[in-house]
PDB file of N, CA and C in Angstrom:
ATOM      1  N   MET A   1     -55.465   6.828 -28.823  1.00  0.00           N
ATOM      2  CA  MET A   1     -54.864   6.619 -27.661  1.00  0.00           C
ATOM      3  C   MET A   1     -55.794   7.036 -26.442  1.00  0.00           C
ATOM      4  N   ASP A   2     -56.157   6.237 -25.624  1.00  0.00           N
ATOM      5  CA  ASP A   2     -57.079   6.507 -24.521  1.00  0.00           C
ATOM      6  C   ASP A   2     -56.259   7.002 -23.402  1.00  0.00           C
ATOM      7  N   TRP A   3     -56.949   7.490 -22.290  1.00  0.00           N
ATOM      8  CA  TRP A   3     -56.153   7.926 -21.113  1.00  0.00           C
ATOM      9  C   TRP A   3     -55.525   6.840 -20.386  1.00  0.00           C
ATOM     10  N   PHE A   4     -55.988   5.616 -20.408  1.00  0.00           N
ATOM     11  CA  PHE A   4     -55.224   4.594 -19.636  1.00  0.00           C
ATOM     12  C   PHE A   4     -53.791   4.265 -20.302  1.00  0.00           C
ATOM     13  N   THR A   5     -53.867   4.304 -21.621  1.00  0.00           N
ATOM     14  CA  THR A   5     -52.508   4.045 -22.371  1.00  0.00           C
ATOM     15  C   THR A   5     -51.619   5.252 -22.000  1.00  0.00           C
ATOM     16  N   GLY A   6     -52.047   6.458 -21.883  1.00  0.00           N
ATOM     17  CA  GLY A   6     -51.259   7.565 -21.615  1.00  0.00           C
ATOM     18  C   GLY A   6     -50.588   7.499 -20.177  1.00  0.00           C
ATOM     19  N   ILE A   7     -51.449   7.072 -19.328  1.00  0.00           N
ATOM     20  CA  ILE A   7     -51.106   6.961 -17.783  1.00  0.00           C
ATOM     21  C   ILE A   7     -50.131   5.802 -17.817  1.00  0.00           C
ATOM     22  N   SER A   8     -50.282   4.824 -18.420  1.00  0.00           N
ATOM     23  CA  SER A   8     -49.461   3.625 -18.438  1.00  0.00           C
ATOM     24  C   SER A   8     -48.137   3.965 -19.046  1.00  0.00           C
ATOM     25  N   ILE A   9     -48.048   4.728 -20.101  1.00  0.00           N
ATOM     26  CA  ILE A   9     -46.662   5.175 -20.587  1.00  0.00           C
ATOM     27  C   ILE A   9     -46.004   6.074 -19.619  1.00  0.00           C
ATOM     28  N   VAL A  10     -46.580   7.035 -18.982  1.00  0.00           N
ATOM     29  CA  VAL A  10     -46.018   7.907 -18.051  1.00  0.00           C
ATOM     30  C   VAL A  10     -45.577   7.048 -16.808  1.00  0.00           C
ATOM     31  N   ALA A  11     -46.361   6.176 -16.337  1.00  0.00           N
ATOM     32  CA  ALA A  11     -45.959   5.244 -15.211  1.00  0.00           C
ATOM     33  C   ALA A  11     -44.771   4.437 -15.557  1.00  0.00           C
ATOM     34  N   ILE A  12     -44.789   3.887 -16.770  1.00  0.00           N
ATOM     35  CA  ILE A  12     -43.579   3.108 -17.192  1.00  0.00           C
ATOM     36  C   ILE A  12     -42.267   3.993 -17.283  1.00  0.00           C
ATOM     37  N   MET A  13     -42.500   5.235 -17.886  1.00  0.00           N
ATOM     38  CA  MET A  13     -41.239   6.088 -17.909  1.00  0.00           C
ATOM     39  C   MET A  13     -40.805   6.517 -16.525  1.00  0.00           C
ATOM     40  N   ALA A  14     -41.802   6.801 -15.626  1.00  0.00           N
ATOM     41  CA  ALA A  14     -41.379   7.202 -14.237  1.00  0.00           C
ATOM     42  C   ALA A  14     -40.791   6.102 -13.562  1.00  0.00           C
ATOM     43  N   GLY A  15     -41.162   4.812 -13.765  1.00  0.00           N
ATOM     44  CA  GLY A  15     -40.455   3.634 -13.253  1.00  0.00           C
ATOM     45  C   GLY A  15     -39.206   3.443 -13.721  1.00  0.00           C
ATOM     46  N   VAL A  16     -38.949   3.556 -15.030  1.00  0.00           N
ATOM     47  CA  VAL A  16     -37.565   3.550 -15.626  1.00  0.00           C
ATOM     48  C   VAL A  16     -36.743   4.629 -15.049  1.00  0.00           C
ATOM     49  N   THR A  17     -37.216   5.897 -14.900  1.00  0.00           N
ATOM     50  CA  THR A  17     -36.418   6.991 -14.485  1.00  0.00           C
ATOM     51  C   THR A  17     -35.988   6.705 -13.027  1.00  0.00           C
ATOM     52  N   ILE A  18     -37.020   6.246 -12.239  1.00  0.00           N
ATOM     53  CA  ILE A  18     -36.738   5.977 -10.750  1.00  0.00           C
ATOM     54  C   ILE A  18     -35.690   4.890 -10.667  1.00  0.00           C
ATOM     55  N   SER A  19     -35.758   3.797 -11.508  1.00  0.00           N
ATOM     56  CA  SER A  19     -34.709   2.701 -11.582  1.00  0.00           C
ATOM     57  C   SER A  19     -33.399   3.111 -11.905  1.00  0.00           C
ATOM     58  N   LEU A  20     -33.381   4.015 -12.951  1.00  0.00           N
ATOM     59  CA  LEU A  20     -32.095   4.548 -13.257  1.00  0.00           C
ATOM     60  C   LEU A  20     -31.424   5.427 -12.109  1.00  0.00           C
ATOM     61  N   VAL A  21     -32.314   6.268 -11.464  1.00  0.00           N
ATOM     62  CA  VAL A  21     -31.793   7.006 -10.475  1.00  0.00           C
ATOM     63  C   VAL A  21     -31.258   6.070  -9.198  1.00  0.00           C
ATOM     64  N   VAL A  22     -32.045   5.069  -8.998  1.00  0.00           N
ATOM     65  CA  VAL A  22     -31.541   4.138  -7.864  1.00  0.00           C
ATOM     66  C   VAL A  22     -30.294   3.430  -8.297  1.00  0.00           C
ATOM     67  N   LEU A  23     -30.151   2.971  -9.569  1.00  0.00           N
ATOM     68  CA  LEU A  23     -28.947   2.246  -9.969  1.00  0.00           C
ATOM     69  C   LEU A  23     -27.738   3.200  -9.839  1.00  0.00           C
ATOM     70  N   VAL A  24     -27.811   4.495 -10.274  1.00  0.00           N
ATOM     71  CA  VAL A  24     -26.795   5.342 -10.184  1.00  0.00           C
ATOM     72  C   VAL A  24     -26.416   5.652  -8.840  1.00  0.00           C
ATOM     73  N   ALA A  25     -27.387   5.798  -7.977  1.00  0.00           N
ATOM     74  CA  ALA A  25     -27.224   6.014  -6.500  1.00  0.00           C
ATOM     75  C   ALA A  25     -26.468   4.831  -5.875  1.00  0.00           C
ATOM     76  N   VAL A  26     -26.917   3.640  -6.196  1.00  0.00           N
ATOM     77  CA  VAL A  26     -26.257   2.425  -5.597  1.00  0.00           C
ATOM     78  C   VAL A  26     -24.739   2.449  -6.138  1.00  0.00           C
ATOM     79  N   GLY A  27     -24.670   2.701  -7.393  1.00  0.00           N
ATOM     80  CA  GLY A  27     -23.331   2.609  -7.797  1.00  0.00           C
ATOM     81  C   GLY A  27     -22.338   3.607  -7.198  1.00  0.00           C
ATOM     82  N   SER A  28     -22.886   4.867  -6.910  1.00  0.00           N
ATOM     83  CA  SER A  28     -22.119   5.911  -6.283  1.00  0.00           C
ATOM     84  C   SER A  28     -21.834   5.515  -4.868  1.00  0.00           C
ATOM     85  N   ILE A  29     -22.701   4.815  -4.147  1.00  0.00           N
ATOM     86  CA  ILE A  29     -22.548   4.529  -2.821  1.00  0.00           C
ATOM     87  C   ILE A  29     -21.510   3.398  -2.794  1.00  0.00           C
ATOM     88  N   ARG A  30     -21.517   2.462  -3.730  1.00  0.00           N
ATOM     89  CA  ARG A  30     -20.634   1.303  -3.788  1.00  0.00           C
ATOM     90  C   ARG A  30     -19.199   1.862  -4.037  1.00  0.00           C
ATOM     91  N   ARG A  31     -19.197   2.790  -4.947  1.00  0.00           N
ATOM     92  CA  ARG A  31     -17.716   3.439  -5.175  1.00  0.00           C
ATOM     93  C   ARG A  31     -17.171   4.106  -4.032  1.00  0.00           C
ATOM     94  N   SER A  32     -18.137   4.812  -3.416  1.00  0.00           N
ATOM     95  CA  SER A  32     -17.628   5.544  -2.079  1.00  0.00           C
ATOM     96  C   SER A  32     -17.158   4.604  -1.093  1.00  0.00           C
ATOM     97  N   GLN A  33     -17.887   3.353  -0.845  1.00  0.00           N
ATOM     98  CA  GLN A  33     -17.492   2.334   0.114  1.00  0.00           C
ATOM     99  C   GLN A  33     -16.122   1.813  -0.312  1.00  0.00           C
ATOM    100  N   ASN A  34     -16.019   1.583  -1.567  1.00  0.00           N
ATOM    101  CA  ASN A  34     -14.778   0.891  -1.989  1.00  0.00           C
ATOM    102  C   ASN A  34     -13.574   1.965  -1.809  1.00  0.00           C
ATOM    103  N   GLU A  35     -13.752   3.170  -2.008  1.00  0.00           N
ATOM    104  CA  GLU A  35     -12.719   4.186  -1.769  1.00  0.00           C
ATOM    105  C   GLU A  35     -12.418   4.350  -0.245  1.00  0.00           C
ATOM    106  N   ALA A  36     -13.445   4.293   0.589  1.00  0.00           N
ATOM    107  CA  ALA A  36     -13.212   4.323   1.960  1.00  0.00           C
ATOM    108  C   ALA A  36     -12.555   3.100   2.436  1.00  0.00           C
ATOM    109  N   ALA A  37     -12.893   1.971   1.970  1.00  0.00           N
ATOM    110  CA  ALA A  37     -12.215   0.577   2.409  1.00  0.00           C
ATOM    111  C   ALA A  37     -10.825   0.825   1.969  1.00  0.00           C
ATOM    112  N   ALA A  38     -10.468   1.310   0.732  1.00  0.00           N
ATOM    113  CA  ALA A  38      -8.964   1.308   0.267  1.00  0.00           C
ATOM    114  C   ALA A  38      -8.218   2.216   1.287  1.00  0.00           C
ATOM    115  N   ARG A  39      -8.814   3.453   1.595  1.00  0.00           N
ATOM    116  CA  ARG A  39      -8.149   4.425   2.464  1.00  0.00           C
ATOM    117  C   ARG A  39      -7.841   3.650   3.874  1.00  0.00           C
ATOM    118  N   GLN A  40      -8.919   3.080   4.327  1.00  0.00           N
ATOM    119  CA  GLN A  40      -8.936   2.376   5.661  1.00  0.00           C
ATOM    120  C   GLN A  40      -7.782   1.406   5.626  1.00  0.00           C
ATOM    121  N   SER A  41      -7.759   0.522   4.652  1.00  0.00           N
ATOM    122  CA  SER A  41      -6.650  -0.500   4.438  1.00  0.00           C
ATOM    123  C   SER A  41      -5.282   0.254   4.511  1.00  0.00           C
ATOM    124  N   GLN A  42      -5.231   1.337   3.815  1.00  0.00           N
ATOM    125  CA  GLN A  42      -3.908   2.096   3.833  1.00  0.00           C
ATOM    126  C   GLN A  42      -3.519   2.609   5.143  1.00  0.00           C
ATOM    127  N   GLN A  43      -4.411   3.023   5.956  1.00  0.00           N
ATOM    128  CA  GLN A  43      -4.179   3.497   7.232  1.00  0.00           C
ATOM    129  C   GLN A  43      -3.798   2.439   8.217  1.00  0.00           C
ATOM    130  N   ILE A  44      -4.526   1.306   7.965  1.00  0.00           N
ATOM    131  CA  ILE A  44      -4.185   0.147   8.910  1.00  0.00           C
ATOM    132  C   ILE A  44      -2.833  -0.389   8.554  1.00  0.00           C
ATOM    133  N   ARG A  45      -2.330  -0.370   7.300  1.00  0.00           N
ATOM    134  CA  ARG A  45      -0.951  -0.669   7.143  1.00  0.00           C
ATOM    135  C   ARG A  45       0.028   0.215   7.748  1.00  0.00           C
ATOM    136  N   LYS A  46      -0.300   1.530   7.540  1.00  0.00           N
ATOM    137  CA  LYS A  46       0.651   2.560   8.227  1.00  0.00           C
ATOM    138  C   LYS A  46       0.741   2.471   9.711  1.00  0.00           C
ATOM    139  N   LEU A  47      -0.445   2.133  10.284  1.00  0.00           N
ATOM    140  CA  LEU A  47      -0.520   1.938  11.783  1.00  0.00           C
ATOM    141  C   LEU A  47       0.268   0.632  12.200  1.00  0.00           C
ATOM    142  N   THR A  48       0.145  -0.390  11.364  1.00  0.00           N
ATOM    143  CA  THR A  48       0.904  -1.605  11.556  1.00  0.00           C
ATOM    144  C   THR A  48       2.349  -1.407  11.584  1.00  0.00           C
ATOM    145  N   GLU A  49       2.799  -0.624  10.510  1.00  0.00           N
ATOM    146  CA  GLU A  49       4.124  -0.245  10.501  1.00  0.00           C
ATOM    147  C   GLU A  49       4.675   0.493  11.615  1.00  0.00           C
ATOM    148  N   THR A  50       3.912   1.452  12.061  1.00  0.00           N
ATOM    149  CA  THR A  50       4.154   2.398  13.128  1.00  0.00           C
ATOM    150  C   THR A  50       4.248   1.489  14.441  1.00  0.00           C
ATOM    151  N   VAL A  51       3.341   0.502  14.667  1.00  0.00           N
ATOM    152  CA  VAL A  51       3.411  -0.260  15.835  1.00  0.00           C
ATOM    153  C   VAL A  51       4.586  -1.140  15.821  1.00  0.00           C
ATOM    154  N   ALA A  52       4.931  -1.764  14.702  1.00  0.00           N
ATOM    155  CA  ALA A  52       6.142  -2.548  14.472  1.00  0.00           C
ATOM    156  C   ALA A  52       7.425  -1.632  14.852  1.00  0.00           C
ATOM    157  N   THR A  53       7.512  -0.489  14.385  1.00  0.00           N
ATOM    158  CA  THR A  53       8.716   0.406  14.614  1.00  0.00           C
ATOM    159  C   THR A  53       8.701   0.765  16.113  1.00  0.00           C
ATOM    160  N   LEU A  54       7.632   1.061  16.696  1.00  0.00           N
ATOM    161  CA  LEU A  54       7.603   1.456  18.134  1.00  0.00           C
ATOM    162  C   LEU A  54       7.944   0.225  19.033  1.00  0.00           C
ATOM    163  N   SER A  55       7.523  -0.913  18.515  1.00  0.00           N
ATOM    164  CA  SER A  55       7.881  -2.046  19.311  1.00  0.00           C
ATOM    165  C   SER A  55       9.408  -2.371  19.250  1.00  0.00           C
ATOM    166  N   GLN A  56       9.836  -2.195  18.135  1.00  0.00           N
ATOM    167  CA  GLN A  56      11.386  -2.400  18.042  1.00  0.00           C
ATOM    168  C   GLN A  56      12.148  -1.297  18.882  1.00  0.00           C
ATOM    169  N   GLN A  57      11.679  -0.138  18.867  1.00  0.00           N
ATOM    170  CA  GLN A  57      12.315   0.931  19.695  1.00  0.00           C
ATOM    171  C   GLN A  57      12.135   0.696  21.170  1.00  0.00           C
ATOM    172  N   GLN A  58      10.930   0.208  21.608  1.00  0.00           N
ATOM    173  CA  GLN A  58      10.731  -0.244  22.977  1.00  0.00           C
ATOM    174  C   GLN A  58      11.711  -1.264  23.350  1.00  0.00           C
ATOM    175  N   GLN A  59      11.903  -2.211  22.471  1.00  0.00           N
ATOM    176  CA  GLN A  59      12.877  -3.398  22.833  1.00  0.00           C
ATOM    177  C   GLN A  59      14.186  -2.896  22.962  1.00  0.00           C
ATOM    178  N   ALA A  60      14.577  -2.015  21.996  1.00  0.00           N
ATOM    179  CA  ALA A  60      15.958  -1.411  22.229  1.00  0.00           C
ATOM    180  C   ALA A  60      16.131  -0.572  23.507  1.00  0.00           C
ATOM    181  N   ALA A  61      15.086   0.160  23.741  1.00  0.00           N
ATOM    182  CA  ALA A  61      15.158   0.902  25.052  1.00  0.00           C
ATOM    183  C   ALA A  61      15.304   0.035  26.312  1.00  0.00           C
ATOM    184  N   GLN A  62      14.459  -0.872  26.254  1.00  0.00           N
ATOM    185  CA  GLN A  62      14.444  -1.935  27.455  1.00  0.00           C
ATOM    186  C   GLN A  62      15.852  -2.674  27.531  1.00  0.00           C
ATOM    187  N   THR A  63      16.461  -2.859  26.321  1.00  0.00           N
ATOM    188  CA  THR A  63      17.921  -3.505  26.395  1.00  0.00           C
ATOM    189  C   THR A  63      18.695  -2.440  26.919  1.00  0.00           C
ATOM    190  N   ARG A  64      18.712  -1.289  26.511  1.00  0.00           N
ATOM    191  CA  ARG A  64      19.637  -0.203  27.068  1.00  0.00           C
ATOM    192  C   ARG A  64      19.344   0.070  28.500  1.00  0.00           C
ATOM    193  N   ILE A  65      18.167   0.020  28.980  1.00  0.00           N
ATOM    194  CA  ILE A  65      17.906   0.279  30.475  1.00  0.00           C
ATOM    195  C   ILE A  65      18.474  -0.840  31.201  1.00  0.00           C
ATOM    196  N   GLN A  66      18.409  -2.167  30.669  1.00  0.00           N
ATOM    197  CA  GLN A  66      19.063  -3.243  31.485  1.00  0.00           C
ATOM    198  C   GLN A  66      20.413  -3.039  31.481  1.00  0.00           C
ATOM    199  N   GLN A  67      21.087  -2.643  30.360  1.00  0.00           N
ATOM    200  CA  GLN A  67      22.509  -2.478  30.425  1.00  0.00           C
ATOM    201  C   GLN A  67      22.935  -1.369  31.316  1.00  0.00           C
ATOM    202  N   LEU A  68      22.298  -0.288  31.438  1.00  0.00           N
ATOM    203  CA  LEU A  68      22.557   0.787  32.365  1.00  0.00           C
ATOM    204  C   LEU A  68      22.318   0.410  33.741  1.00  0.00           C
ATOM    205  N   THR A  69      21.281  -0.401  33.961  1.00  0.00           N
ATOM    206  CA  THR A  69      21.046  -0.913  35.420  1.00  0.00           C
ATOM    207  C   THR A  69      22.175  -1.919  35.831  1.00  0.00           C
ATOM    208  N   ASP A  70      22.562  -2.749  34.872  1.00  0.00           N
ATOM    209  CA  ASP A  70      23.733  -3.552  35.236  1.00  0.00           C
ATOM    210  C   ASP A  70      25.116  -2.710  35.482  1.00  0.00           C
ATOM    211  N   ALA A  71      25.275  -1.682  34.609  1.00  0.00           N
ATOM    212  CA  ALA A  71      26.520  -0.884  34.882  1.00  0.00           C
ATOM    213  C   ALA A  71      26.315  -0.230  36.123  1.00  0.00           C
ATOM    214  N   ASN A  72      25.078   0.284  36.511  1.00  0.00           N
ATOM    215  CA  ASN A  72      24.959   1.027  37.786  1.00  0.00           C
ATOM    216  C   ASN A  72      25.252   0.063  38.886  1.00  0.00           C
ATOM    217  N   ARG A  73      24.767  -1.109  38.916  1.00  0.00           N
ATOM    218  CA  ARG A  73      24.901  -1.998  39.974  1.00  0.00           C
ATOM    219  C   ARG A  73      26.373  -2.384  40.086  1.00  0.00           C
ATOM    220  N   LYS A  74      27.089  -2.542  39.016  1.00  0.00           N
ATOM    221  CA  LYS A  74      28.573  -2.810  39.070  1.00  0.00           C
ATOM    222  C   LYS A  74      29.251  -1.649  39.628  1.00  0.00           C
ATOM    223  N   LEU A  75      28.965  -0.402  39.298  1.00  0.00           N
ATOM    224  CA  LEU A  75      29.609   0.873  39.806  1.00  0.00           C
ATOM    225  C   LEU A  75      29.288   0.986  41.214  1.00  0.00           C
ATOM    226  N   SER A  76      28.089   0.548  41.735  1.00  0.00           N
ATOM    227  CA  SER A  76      27.771   0.704  43.086  1.00  0.00           C
ATOM    228  C   SER A  76      28.585  -0.351  43.981  1.00  0.00           C
ATOM    229  N   ASP A  77      28.710  -1.491  43.373  1.00  0.00           N
ATOM    230  CA  ASP A  77      29.492  -2.670  44.055  1.00  0.00           C
ATOM    231  C   ASP A  77      30.985  -2.173  44.180  1.00  0.00           C
ATOM    232  N   GLU A  78      31.552  -1.607  43.137  1.00  0.00           N
ATOM    233  CA  GLU A  78      32.899  -1.096  43.121  1.00  0.00           C
ATOM    234  C   GLU A  78      33.016  -0.131  44.145  1.00  0.00           C
ATOM    235  N   LEU A  79      32.088   0.872  44.082  1.00  0.00           N
ATOM    236  CA  LEU A  79      32.258   1.962  45.034  1.00  0.00           C
ATOM    237  C   LEU A  79      32.076   1.478  46.561  1.00  0.00           C
ATOM    238  N   SER A  80      31.178   0.551  46.825  1.00  0.00           N
ATOM    239  CA  SER A  80      31.128  -0.026  48.210  1.00  0.00           C
ATOM    240  C   SER A  80      32.359  -0.773  48.528  1.00  0.00           C
ATOM    241  N   ALA A  81      32.986  -1.364  47.608  1.00  0.00           N
ATOM    242  CA  ALA A  81      34.225  -2.112  47.918  1.00  0.00           C
ATOM    243  C   ALA A  81      35.338  -1.182  48.103  1.00  0.00           C
ATOM    244  N   LEU A  82      35.392  -0.049  47.318  1.00  0.00           N
ATOM    245  CA  LEU A  82      36.445   1.020  47.592  1.00  0.00           C
ATOM    246  C   LEU A  82      36.193   1.695  48.866  1.00  0.00           C
ATOM    247  N   GLY A  83      34.983   1.941  49.220  1.00  0.00           N
ATOM    248  CA  GLY A  83      34.658   2.588  50.545  1.00  0.00           C
ATOM    249  C   GLY A  83      35.120   1.619  51.749  1.00  0.00           C
ATOM    250  N   GLU A  84      34.932   0.273  51.509  1.00  0.00           N
ATOM    251  CA  GLU A  84      35.252  -0.635  52.602  1.00  0.00           C
ATOM    252  C   GLU A  84      36.818  -0.619  52.618  1.00  0.00           C
ATOM    253  N   ARG A  85      37.489  -0.596  51.531  1.00  0.00           N
ATOM    254  CA  ARG A  85      39.024  -0.598  51.518  1.00  0.00           C
ATOM    255  C   ARG A  85      39.575   0.673  52.139  1.00  0.00           C
ATOM    256  N   LEU A  86      38.890   1.795  51.890  1.00  0.00           N
ATOM    257  CA  LEU A  86      39.376   3.061  52.501  1.00  0.00           C
ATOM    258  C   LEU A  86      39.093   3.065  54.025  1.00  0.00           C
ATOM    259  N   SER A  87      37.896   2.493  54.339  1.00  0.00           N
ATOM    260  CA  SER A  87      37.672   2.376  55.747  1.00  0.00           C
ATOM    261  C   SER A  87      38.630   1.528  56.514  1.00  0.00           C
ATOM    262  N   ASP A  88      39.047   0.449  55.910  1.00  0.00           N
ATOM    263  CA  ASP A  88      39.879  -0.451  56.499  1.00  0.00           C
ATOM    264  C   ASP A  88      41.324   0.002  56.588  1.00  0.00           C
ATOM    265  N   ALA A  89      41.731   0.768  55.494  1.00  0.00           N
ATOM    266  CA  ALA A  89      43.035   1.342  55.535  1.00  0.00           C
ATOM    267  C   ALA A  89      43.154   2.567  56.572  1.00  0.00           C
ATOM    268  N   ASP A  90      42.009   3.282  56.811  1.00  0.00           N
ATOM    269  CA  ASP A  90      42.073   4.363  57.614  1.00  0.00           C
ATOM    270  C   ASP A  90      41.887   3.744  59.138  1.00  0.00           C
ATOM    271  N   THR A  91      41.261   2.588  59.280  1.00  0.00           N
ATOM    272  CA  THR A  91      41.341   1.950  60.677  1.00  0.00           C
ATOM    273  C   THR A  91      42.796   1.587  61.020  1.00  0.00           C
ATOM    274  N   VAL A  92      43.399   0.844  60.009  1.00  0.00           N
ATOM    275  CA  VAL A  92      44.776   0.406  60.250  1.00  0.00           C
ATOM    276  C   VAL A  92      45.631   1.658  60.555  1.00  0.00           C
ATOM    277  N   GLN A  93      45.559   2.769  59.937  1.00  0.00           N
ATOM    278  CA  GLN A  93      46.407   3.871  60.235  1.00  0.00           C
ATOM    279  C   GLN A  93      46.085   4.457  61.588  1.00  0.00           C
ATOM    280  N   ARG A  94      44.884   4.468  61.941  1.00  0.00           N
ATOM    281  CA  ARG A  94      44.579   5.067  63.283  1.00  0.00           C
ATOM    282  C   ARG A  94      45.146   4.179  64.446  1.00  0.00           C
ATOM    283  N   VAL A  95      45.027   2.955  64.182  1.00  0.00           N
ATOM    284  CA  VAL A  95      45.626   2.085  65.124  1.00  0.00           C
ATOM    285  C   VAL A  95      46.993   2.219  65.195  1.00  0.00           C
ATOM    286  N   ALA A  96      47.743   2.482  64.103  1.00  0.00           N
ATOM    287  CA  ALA A  96      49.168   2.742  64.074  1.00  0.00           C
ATOM    288  C   ALA A  96      49.442   4.204  64.603  1.00  0.00           C
ATOM    289  N   GLY A  97      48.512   4.982  64.825  1.00  0.00           N
ATOM    290  CA  GLY A  97      48.679   6.248  65.405  1.00  0.00           C
ATOM    291  C   GLY A  97      48.936   7.493  64.427  1.00  0.00           C
ATOM    292  N   THR A  98      48.946   7.262  63.166  1.00  0.00           N
ATOM    293  CA  THR A  98      48.871   8.308  62.211  1.00  0.00           C
ATOM    294  C   THR A  98      47.746   8.407  61.470  1.00  0.00           C
ATOM    295  N   ALA A  99      47.180   9.651  61.386  1.00  0.00           N
ATOM    296  CA  ALA A  99      45.910   9.804  60.678  1.00  0.00           C
ATOM    297  C   ALA A  99      46.428  10.266  59.208  1.00  0.00           C
ATOM    298  N   ARG A 100      45.753   9.833  58.349  1.00  0.00           N
ATOM    299  CA  ARG A 100      46.062  10.029  57.002  1.00  0.00           C
ATOM    300  C   ARG A 100      44.795  10.872  56.323  1.00  0.00           C
ATOM    301  N   LEU A 101      45.133  11.997  55.611  1.00  0.00           N
ATOM    302  CA  LEU A 101      44.166  12.716  54.954  1.00  0.00           C
ATOM    303  C   LEU A 101      44.070  12.337  53.422  1.00  0.00           C
ATOM    304  N   LEU A 102      42.943  12.220  53.012  1.00  0.00           N
ATOM    305  CA  LEU A 102      42.773  11.841  51.549  1.00  0.00           C
ATOM    306  C   LEU A 102      42.602  13.088  50.834  1.00  0.00           C
ATOM    307  N   HIS A 103      43.298  13.253  49.707  1.00  0.00           N
ATOM    308  CA  HIS A 103      43.221  14.424  48.868  1.00  0.00           C
ATOM    309  C   HIS A 103      42.493  14.092  47.625  1.00  0.00           C
TER     310      HIS A 103
END
């Protein structure tokens, strides 16, 4: 066995070793990427559910705000009408000469 055959065998063994190391590294990287993609997909699903829940809560809150606004407007109208009635009644009594105190 001459020196060229020895160097060739060493070079082939080194090439095979390097190839195996590269294949293992690529497999490890691919597995890590797949795991990260799975975790990311799960997080996206959770965020989508959270956004849907928050959208429903926002819609319910907007509906409740509208109901309260309408009720407030109705109470304000009733209060204005009552104030007008009391003012009219007070004016009529003053014209008649008797002042009436509200208790």
